[in-house]
Amino acid sequence: MSIKNILITILLSSGITAFAQSKNLAYPVDLSYTIEKQYQKYKKDFPEIVPVKYSLPVGVVANRDLVYTTLENTPYGKRELHLDVFSPEVVGHYPTIVLIHGGGWQSGNKNMLIPMAQLLAAKGYTTITVEYQLGLEAKYPASVYNIKSAIRWTHANADRYKIDTAKIAILGCSSGGHLANLVGLTNGIKQFEGDQGNMGYSSSVKAVIDIDGLVNFLAPLSLNKDRKPNATDINWLGGTYEEKPEIWKEASPIYWANEKSVPILFFNSGSPRFHAGQDELIGLYKEWGIYYEVHKFDVKMHTFWHFHPYVDETVNYIMNFLTKTLK
C-alpha cells in the first residue's frame, strides 16, 4: 500500500476533519460518517446485519466520476462536482433514480449509496449517485443548487446514459432524505435553482423517496432537540433557530408542499426524531389526495439502508412505489 493510501485510510477511520485534494484544490471534509463506523456502532445489538458491498451486477454498465458542474470561484478555488451513473446494458431509456447520501449535511460521500444504486440498476433503473457541497465547505442552499444542477444534467445527457426524463425520482437518506424532500417539493421554484449549469433544462422530479429524513426543522421533534453549538444542522443553516428563523423555515420542505406536489415514499426507523414533520405533511397529502406510502423498520438503527437484510426490503418497496408513480 502506498504512503498516500495509508494516509487516506488513517483519515477515513479518524473521524477528523481533513482536506480533500483535487489538482490545486483543497476544501474541508468531515470524515466522521462511514459505513464501517456505523457497522461497529450497531453490530452488537444487531448481530445479523451485513454491510452492503460494491458489486456491479451482470448486465449493468457503470460510468464513474462524471463532472456534472464546475464552480469557478468558491472560497477554495475551482470546484468540480461529480456523479456516478449505473444503467442497464440493454439499449433503451429507463426510469431514473437520483440518490443523495446522508451524513448530517456535513459528512458522507456519494460512494456510500453505490451499493443501493447497483441493486436498483439490476432491477431495470438508471441510478445516479451525486456529490454535493457539504456544510464545512458551503452553507445552505449550496447543496440544493448542486442537486438541482445534477438533475438538469440528467436531462441534458439523457440519450447518452439511458435516462427516461419523464420518469425521474429523487431518493435520499437521513439528511439526504431531507434534501430529497426539499428538492422534490420545490419543483419549478426559481429561488432554489441556482445557476450551476444546463440552465435550459428542467430540475423537476416526479417522485420522492425519503429514507429517515426530516420534513420540518420547526417540528417539535427537531426544534426541541438538544444541540451543541457546533451541531451540523446549525452549521449548515448558518446559525441557530433564534438567529436564523427565516432560514430554518425556508429550508423545511413542508412549507413548499402544495396541491401539485409529487408522491412521496417515506421509510422510517424506530427513532422518530429523524422524520420530524412527516405526520403533518401526510395530513396535507391526505387533504389534497396526493399518493404517499410509509414503511417502518421498527428498529433503533438509523442507517439501516447500509445493511442486509434491511436494504433488500427497502429496494423492493422502492420498486413497487415507482411502478405505481412513474407512469
Foldseek 3Di string as FASTA:
>chain_A
DDPVVVVVVCQLPPQDWDWDDDPQFTFIAGNNDDVVVLCVVCCVVPVPKDFQDDDQDPQKDKDFFDFLFWDADFPRGIDTWGKMKIAGNDDAAFQEEEEEEDDLLGHDAQVLCNSLQNVLRVVGYIYMGTGFDGLRRAAPPRRLQRLLSVLLSCVVCRNVRRHDNLRYEYEYAQQGLLSSLQNQLCFPPVVSHDDTDNVVGGSYHQEYERELAEQACPFCLNLVDDDDQVRSNCSRQVHHCVVCVVSRGNSRSLVSHDLPGHEYEYEEELPVSSHGPPVVSVVVCVVSVHHYYYHYHDHPRRPPCRIPPVVVVVSVVVVVVSVVGSD
